[in-house]
N, C-alpha and C. Protein backbone atom coordinates (compact mmCIF):
# COMPACT_ATOMS: atom_id res chain seq x y z
N MET A 1 105.67 97.29 93.21
CA MET A 1 106.25 97.28 94.53
C MET A 1 105.49 98.26 95.43
N LYS A 2 105.14 97.80 96.62
CA LYS A 2 104.37 98.63 97.55
C LYS A 2 105.27 99.65 98.23
N SER A 3 104.69 100.82 98.48
CA SER A 3 105.36 101.85 99.25
C SER A 3 105.42 101.40 100.71
N LYS A 4 106.54 101.68 101.40
CA LYS A 4 106.69 101.28 102.80
C LYS A 4 106.43 102.47 103.71
N VAL A 5 105.46 102.30 104.62
CA VAL A 5 105.05 103.35 105.54
C VAL A 5 105.40 102.93 106.96
N LEU A 6 106.09 103.82 107.68
CA LEU A 6 106.42 103.58 109.08
C LEU A 6 105.68 104.61 109.92
N ILE A 7 104.92 104.12 110.89
CA ILE A 7 104.17 104.99 111.80
C ILE A 7 104.91 105.01 113.13
N LEU A 8 105.27 106.21 113.58
CA LEU A 8 106.07 106.37 114.78
C LEU A 8 105.31 107.02 115.92
N CYS A 9 105.57 106.53 117.11
CA CYS A 9 105.08 107.10 118.35
C CYS A 9 106.19 106.86 119.37
N THR A 10 106.12 107.50 120.50
CA THR A 10 107.19 107.34 121.48
C THR A 10 107.24 105.90 122.00
N GLY A 11 106.15 105.43 122.60
CA GLY A 11 106.15 104.12 123.25
C GLY A 11 105.82 102.95 122.35
N ASN A 12 105.28 103.21 121.17
CA ASN A 12 104.86 102.15 120.25
C ASN A 12 104.02 101.11 120.98
N SER A 13 102.99 101.61 121.70
CA SER A 13 102.11 100.68 122.40
C SER A 13 100.64 100.96 122.15
N CYS A 14 100.28 102.17 121.71
CA CYS A 14 98.86 102.50 121.53
C CYS A 14 98.56 103.10 120.16
N ARG A 15 98.81 104.41 120.02
CA ARG A 15 98.42 105.14 118.81
C ARG A 15 99.03 104.57 117.54
N SER A 16 100.32 104.29 117.57
CA SER A 16 100.98 103.81 116.36
C SER A 16 100.45 102.44 115.94
N HIS A 17 100.09 101.61 116.91
CA HIS A 17 99.54 100.30 116.56
C HIS A 17 98.12 100.41 116.02
N MET A 18 97.34 101.33 116.59
CA MET A 18 95.99 101.52 116.04
C MET A 18 96.09 102.05 114.61
N ALA A 19 97.00 103.01 114.38
CA ALA A 19 97.18 103.54 113.03
C ALA A 19 97.70 102.48 112.07
N GLU A 20 98.64 101.68 112.52
CA GLU A 20 99.18 100.60 111.67
C GLU A 20 98.07 99.64 111.25
N GLY A 21 97.28 99.19 112.21
CA GLY A 21 96.20 98.25 111.90
C GLY A 21 95.17 98.85 110.97
N ILE A 22 94.80 100.09 111.22
CA ILE A 22 93.78 100.76 110.41
C ILE A 22 94.29 101.00 108.99
N LEU A 23 95.53 101.49 108.85
CA LEU A 23 96.06 101.73 107.50
C LEU A 23 96.26 100.43 106.75
N ARG A 24 96.70 99.41 107.42
CA ARG A 24 96.87 98.11 106.76
C ARG A 24 95.51 97.58 106.27
N ALA A 25 94.47 97.75 107.10
CA ALA A 25 93.12 97.29 106.71
C ALA A 25 92.58 98.11 105.54
N ALA A 26 92.87 99.42 105.53
CA ALA A 26 92.33 100.30 104.50
C ALA A 26 93.11 100.22 103.19
N ALA A 27 94.42 99.94 103.28
CA ALA A 27 95.25 100.03 102.07
C ALA A 27 96.42 99.06 102.08
N GLY A 28 96.22 97.88 102.61
CA GLY A 28 97.27 96.88 102.63
C GLY A 28 97.70 96.46 101.23
N ASP A 29 96.85 96.72 100.25
CA ASP A 29 97.20 96.42 98.87
C ASP A 29 98.16 97.47 98.30
N LEU A 30 98.21 98.65 98.92
CA LEU A 30 99.06 99.74 98.45
C LEU A 30 100.35 99.90 99.24
N PHE A 31 100.28 99.58 100.54
CA PHE A 31 101.40 99.85 101.45
C PHE A 31 101.84 98.63 102.22
N GLU A 32 103.13 98.58 102.51
CA GLU A 32 103.63 97.72 103.59
C GLU A 32 103.67 98.66 104.79
N VAL A 33 102.95 98.30 105.85
CA VAL A 33 102.80 99.21 106.99
C VAL A 33 103.49 98.63 108.22
N TYR A 34 104.27 99.49 108.88
CA TYR A 34 104.99 99.11 110.09
C TYR A 34 104.77 100.19 111.13
N SER A 35 105.04 99.86 112.39
CA SER A 35 105.05 100.89 113.43
C SER A 35 106.23 100.62 114.35
N ALA A 36 106.70 101.70 114.97
CA ALA A 36 107.83 101.60 115.88
C ALA A 36 107.80 102.79 116.82
N GLY A 37 108.72 102.77 117.79
CA GLY A 37 108.78 103.85 118.76
C GLY A 37 110.19 104.34 119.00
N SER A 38 110.30 105.59 119.45
CA SER A 38 111.61 106.14 119.81
C SER A 38 112.05 105.62 121.17
N ASN A 39 111.09 105.19 121.99
CA ASN A 39 111.37 104.62 123.30
C ASN A 39 110.30 103.55 123.57
N PRO A 40 110.36 102.42 122.84
CA PRO A 40 109.27 101.44 122.89
C PRO A 40 109.07 100.84 124.28
N LYS A 41 107.79 100.65 124.61
CA LYS A 41 107.44 100.07 125.92
C LYS A 41 107.65 98.57 125.98
N GLY A 42 107.74 97.93 124.82
CA GLY A 42 107.98 96.49 124.81
C GLY A 42 106.71 95.66 124.75
N HIS A 43 105.55 96.32 124.73
CA HIS A 43 104.28 95.59 124.62
C HIS A 43 103.24 96.50 123.96
N VAL A 44 102.22 95.88 123.40
CA VAL A 44 101.09 96.62 122.83
C VAL A 44 100.02 96.68 123.91
N HIS A 45 99.49 97.86 124.15
CA HIS A 45 98.49 98.05 125.19
C HIS A 45 97.25 97.19 124.89
N PRO A 46 96.77 96.43 125.88
CA PRO A 46 95.62 95.55 125.65
C PRO A 46 94.36 96.29 125.18
N LEU A 47 94.18 97.53 125.63
CA LEU A 47 92.99 98.28 125.20
C LEU A 47 93.10 98.75 123.75
N ALA A 48 94.33 98.94 123.26
CA ALA A 48 94.52 99.25 121.84
C ALA A 48 94.10 98.04 121.01
N LEU A 49 94.50 96.87 121.46
CA LEU A 49 94.11 95.63 120.76
C LEU A 49 92.60 95.45 120.79
N GLU A 50 91.99 95.72 121.95
CA GLU A 50 90.54 95.57 122.08
C GLU A 50 89.79 96.57 121.20
N ALA A 51 90.25 97.83 121.19
CA ALA A 51 89.60 98.85 120.37
C ALA A 51 89.67 98.49 118.88
N LEU A 52 90.79 97.94 118.46
CA LEU A 52 90.92 97.51 117.06
C LEU A 52 90.03 96.30 116.77
N LYS A 53 90.00 95.37 117.70
CA LYS A 53 89.19 94.16 117.52
C LYS A 53 87.71 94.52 117.32
N GLU A 54 87.25 95.56 118.02
CA GLU A 54 85.86 96.00 117.90
C GLU A 54 85.50 96.44 116.49
N ILE A 55 86.50 96.87 115.71
CA ILE A 55 86.22 97.28 114.33
C ILE A 55 86.76 96.25 113.32
N GLY A 56 86.98 95.04 113.82
CA GLY A 56 87.33 93.93 112.92
C GLY A 56 88.80 93.83 112.54
N ILE A 57 89.68 94.46 113.33
CA ILE A 57 91.11 94.41 113.02
C ILE A 57 91.84 93.63 114.11
N ASP A 58 92.53 92.57 113.69
CA ASP A 58 93.29 91.75 114.63
C ASP A 58 94.74 92.21 114.63
N ALA A 59 95.16 92.83 115.74
CA ALA A 59 96.54 93.30 115.87
C ALA A 59 97.29 92.49 116.92
N SER A 60 96.80 91.31 117.23
CA SER A 60 97.40 90.51 118.29
C SER A 60 98.84 90.09 117.96
N GLY A 61 99.23 90.13 116.70
CA GLY A 61 100.59 89.77 116.32
C GLY A 61 101.55 90.95 116.31
N HIS A 62 101.06 92.16 116.60
CA HIS A 62 101.92 93.34 116.60
C HIS A 62 102.92 93.27 117.74
N LYS A 63 104.09 93.88 117.52
CA LYS A 63 105.13 93.94 118.54
C LYS A 63 105.57 95.39 118.72
N SER A 64 105.99 95.73 119.93
CA SER A 64 106.51 97.07 120.22
C SER A 64 107.99 97.08 119.88
N GLU A 65 108.36 97.85 118.85
CA GLU A 65 109.73 97.80 118.33
C GLU A 65 110.37 99.18 118.29
N HIS A 66 111.70 99.21 118.26
CA HIS A 66 112.45 100.47 118.19
C HIS A 66 112.58 100.92 116.74
N LEU A 67 112.47 102.21 116.52
CA LEU A 67 112.54 102.75 115.15
C LEU A 67 113.88 102.49 114.47
N ASP A 68 114.96 102.29 115.23
CA ASP A 68 116.28 102.07 114.62
C ASP A 68 116.30 100.89 113.65
N GLN A 69 115.47 99.88 113.92
CA GLN A 69 115.51 98.71 113.05
C GLN A 69 114.91 98.98 111.67
N TYR A 70 114.32 100.16 111.49
CA TYR A 70 113.73 100.50 110.20
C TYR A 70 114.55 101.53 109.42
N LEU A 71 115.67 101.98 109.98
CA LEU A 71 116.46 103.02 109.34
C LEU A 71 116.96 102.62 107.95
N ASP A 72 117.27 101.34 107.76
CA ASP A 72 117.77 100.87 106.46
C ASP A 72 116.79 99.93 105.78
N ALA A 73 115.50 100.11 106.06
CA ALA A 73 114.49 99.19 105.54
C ALA A 73 113.81 99.70 104.27
N GLY A 74 114.30 100.80 103.71
CA GLY A 74 113.70 101.32 102.48
C GLY A 74 112.36 101.99 102.71
N ILE A 75 112.20 102.64 103.86
CA ILE A 75 110.94 103.32 104.19
C ILE A 75 110.75 104.50 103.24
N ASN A 76 109.53 104.64 102.70
CA ASN A 76 109.20 105.74 101.80
C ASN A 76 108.49 106.88 102.52
N THR A 77 107.69 106.54 103.53
CA THR A 77 106.89 107.53 104.24
C THR A 77 106.96 107.27 105.73
N VAL A 78 107.21 108.33 106.50
CA VAL A 78 107.20 108.25 107.96
C VAL A 78 106.07 109.15 108.45
N ILE A 79 105.21 108.58 109.29
CA ILE A 79 104.10 109.34 109.86
C ILE A 79 104.24 109.29 111.38
N THR A 80 104.42 110.45 112.00
CA THR A 80 104.48 110.49 113.46
C THR A 80 103.09 110.81 113.98
N VAL A 81 102.72 110.15 115.08
CA VAL A 81 101.37 110.33 115.64
C VAL A 81 101.41 110.91 117.05
N CYS A 82 102.60 111.32 117.50
CA CYS A 82 102.71 112.05 118.76
C CYS A 82 103.85 113.05 118.65
N GLY A 83 103.75 114.14 119.40
CA GLY A 83 104.72 115.22 119.32
C GLY A 83 106.13 114.79 119.67
N ASN A 84 106.28 113.95 120.69
CA ASN A 84 107.63 113.51 121.09
C ASN A 84 108.31 112.73 119.97
N ALA A 85 107.56 111.85 119.32
CA ALA A 85 108.15 111.07 118.22
C ALA A 85 108.50 111.98 117.05
N ASP A 86 107.69 113.01 116.82
CA ASP A 86 107.98 113.93 115.73
C ASP A 86 109.32 114.61 115.97
N GLN A 87 109.57 115.01 117.21
CA GLN A 87 110.84 115.67 117.55
C GLN A 87 112.01 114.70 117.56
N ALA A 88 111.75 113.44 117.94
CA ALA A 88 112.83 112.45 118.06
C ALA A 88 113.12 111.71 116.76
N CYS A 89 112.31 111.95 115.74
CA CYS A 89 112.43 111.19 114.50
C CYS A 89 113.76 111.48 113.82
N PRO A 90 114.54 110.44 113.57
CA PRO A 90 115.83 110.64 112.89
C PRO A 90 115.61 110.87 111.40
N THR A 91 116.67 111.19 110.72
CA THR A 91 116.61 111.33 109.27
C THR A 91 116.77 109.94 108.67
N PHE A 92 115.82 109.59 107.83
CA PHE A 92 115.87 108.29 107.16
C PHE A 92 116.59 108.47 105.83
N PRO A 93 117.39 107.47 105.43
CA PRO A 93 118.12 107.59 104.16
C PRO A 93 117.17 107.62 102.97
N GLY A 94 117.60 108.32 101.93
CA GLY A 94 116.81 108.37 100.71
C GLY A 94 115.75 109.46 100.77
N LYS A 95 114.86 109.40 99.79
CA LYS A 95 113.78 110.39 99.71
C LYS A 95 112.60 109.86 100.52
N VAL A 96 112.38 110.45 101.68
CA VAL A 96 111.33 110.00 102.58
C VAL A 96 110.35 111.14 102.81
N THR A 97 109.08 110.86 102.60
CA THR A 97 108.03 111.83 102.88
C THR A 97 107.67 111.72 104.36
N ARG A 98 107.55 112.88 105.02
CA ARG A 98 107.21 112.87 106.45
C ARG A 98 105.91 113.62 106.69
N TYR A 99 105.07 113.04 107.54
CA TYR A 99 103.85 113.69 107.99
C TYR A 99 103.81 113.61 109.51
N HIS A 100 103.19 114.61 110.12
CA HIS A 100 102.92 114.54 111.55
C HIS A 100 101.43 114.78 111.77
N TRP A 101 100.78 113.75 112.28
CA TRP A 101 99.37 113.83 112.64
C TRP A 101 99.28 113.42 114.11
N GLY A 102 99.23 114.40 114.99
CA GLY A 102 99.25 114.12 116.41
C GLY A 102 97.89 113.73 116.98
N PHE A 103 97.91 112.77 117.86
CA PHE A 103 96.70 112.31 118.57
C PHE A 103 97.03 112.23 120.06
N GLU A 104 96.01 112.39 120.89
CA GLU A 104 96.20 112.25 122.33
C GLU A 104 96.62 110.82 122.66
N ASP A 105 97.34 110.67 123.77
CA ASP A 105 97.75 109.36 124.24
C ASP A 105 96.57 108.77 125.03
N PRO A 106 95.94 107.71 124.52
CA PRO A 106 94.69 107.22 125.13
C PRO A 106 94.73 106.98 126.65
N PRO A 107 95.79 106.37 127.21
CA PRO A 107 95.77 106.15 128.66
C PRO A 107 95.76 107.44 129.47
N HIS A 108 96.17 108.55 128.84
CA HIS A 108 96.23 109.84 129.54
C HIS A 108 95.18 110.81 129.02
N ALA A 109 94.20 110.33 128.27
CA ALA A 109 93.23 111.21 127.63
C ALA A 109 91.80 110.99 128.11
N VAL A 110 91.64 110.28 129.22
CA VAL A 110 90.30 109.97 129.71
C VAL A 110 89.61 111.26 130.16
N ARG A 111 88.41 111.48 129.64
CA ARG A 111 87.62 112.66 129.98
C ARG A 111 86.59 112.31 131.05
N ASP A 112 86.02 113.31 131.67
CA ASP A 112 84.98 113.08 132.68
C ASP A 112 83.85 112.24 132.08
N GLY A 113 83.45 111.21 132.81
CA GLY A 113 82.37 110.34 132.36
C GLY A 113 82.80 109.28 131.37
N GLU A 114 84.08 109.22 131.06
CA GLU A 114 84.61 108.28 130.08
C GLU A 114 85.41 107.20 130.80
N THR A 115 85.33 105.97 130.33
CA THR A 115 86.23 104.93 130.83
C THR A 115 87.51 105.00 130.01
N GLU A 116 88.53 104.27 130.44
CA GLU A 116 89.78 104.25 129.67
C GLU A 116 89.51 103.65 128.28
N LEU A 117 88.67 102.62 128.20
CA LEU A 117 88.34 102.03 126.91
C LEU A 117 87.61 103.04 126.03
N ASP A 118 86.74 103.87 126.62
CA ASP A 118 86.07 104.91 125.83
C ASP A 118 87.10 105.86 125.20
N ALA A 119 88.15 106.21 125.96
CA ALA A 119 89.19 107.09 125.43
C ALA A 119 89.91 106.41 124.26
N PHE A 120 90.20 105.13 124.41
CA PHE A 120 90.83 104.39 123.31
C PHE A 120 89.91 104.37 122.09
N ARG A 121 88.63 104.18 122.29
CA ARG A 121 87.68 104.16 121.16
C ARG A 121 87.62 105.52 120.46
N ARG A 122 87.56 106.58 121.25
CA ARG A 122 87.47 107.93 120.69
C ARG A 122 88.70 108.23 119.85
N ILE A 123 89.87 107.93 120.37
CA ILE A 123 91.11 108.21 119.64
C ILE A 123 91.27 107.26 118.46
N ARG A 124 90.85 106.01 118.63
CA ARG A 124 90.85 105.06 117.49
C ARG A 124 90.01 105.63 116.35
N ASP A 125 88.85 106.18 116.68
CA ASP A 125 87.96 106.71 115.64
C ASP A 125 88.58 107.93 114.95
N GLN A 126 89.30 108.76 115.71
CA GLN A 126 90.00 109.90 115.10
C GLN A 126 91.11 109.41 114.17
N ILE A 127 91.86 108.44 114.62
CA ILE A 127 92.94 107.85 113.81
C ILE A 127 92.34 107.23 112.54
N LYS A 128 91.23 106.54 112.70
CA LYS A 128 90.56 105.88 111.56
C LYS A 128 90.17 106.91 110.50
N LEU A 129 89.60 108.02 110.91
CA LEU A 129 89.21 109.06 109.95
C LEU A 129 90.41 109.57 109.16
N VAL A 130 91.49 109.88 109.85
CA VAL A 130 92.67 110.45 109.21
C VAL A 130 93.36 109.44 108.29
N PHE A 131 93.57 108.22 108.79
CA PHE A 131 94.33 107.25 108.00
C PHE A 131 93.50 106.66 106.85
N GLU A 132 92.20 106.55 107.02
CA GLU A 132 91.38 106.11 105.88
C GLU A 132 91.32 107.19 104.82
N ALA A 133 91.29 108.47 105.23
CA ALA A 133 91.32 109.57 104.26
C ALA A 133 92.65 109.59 103.51
N TYR A 134 93.75 109.35 104.24
CA TYR A 134 95.07 109.28 103.61
C TYR A 134 95.10 108.15 102.58
N ALA A 135 94.61 106.99 102.95
CA ALA A 135 94.60 105.84 102.04
C ALA A 135 93.75 106.14 100.81
N SER A 136 92.61 106.76 101.02
CA SER A 136 91.71 107.09 99.91
C SER A 136 92.35 108.11 98.96
N GLY A 137 92.98 109.13 99.53
CA GLY A 137 93.66 110.13 98.70
C GLY A 137 94.82 109.54 97.92
N TYR A 138 95.58 108.67 98.56
CA TYR A 138 96.70 108.01 97.90
C TYR A 138 96.19 107.14 96.75
N ARG A 139 95.11 106.41 97.01
CA ARG A 139 94.53 105.54 95.99
C ARG A 139 94.06 106.35 94.78
N GLU A 140 93.39 107.48 95.05
CA GLU A 140 92.91 108.34 93.97
C GLU A 140 94.07 108.92 93.17
N ALA A 141 95.13 109.36 93.86
CA ALA A 141 96.29 109.94 93.18
C ALA A 141 96.98 108.93 92.27
N LYS A 142 96.99 107.65 92.70
CA LYS A 142 97.61 106.59 91.89
C LYS A 142 96.74 106.23 90.70
N GLY A 143 95.41 106.56 90.86
CA GLY A 143 94.40 106.40 89.83
C GLY A 143 94.48 105.22 89.02
């Protein structure tokens, strides 16, 4: 039985979807991966989809969902990717491992000389490093 991982962000439109797609691609054989938000925007940001597509991940079927629907879903691990979601994260029933790995919000992280898509790419690459390392470490531990 696969471990269930829920990735949380406030709006569930950018960072959590990039992390969900990347973790699913890196370790879909180990995890059932979901994402949700404490205050979901109701859509996945088009530049998040584009940034994932550039690295071969199709997230076009992802939906922006509220974290409440996962409270009784048997989640084993909750990973928050923004500070607001970390603070708003409720207590999940059972033994749940929690991690907080914060990333900038791409639409608000554009640097001088960068396009908005460049910001999404930069943050996607940071998320990719962290979540692929997590998947690799988990795989090694399961040995």
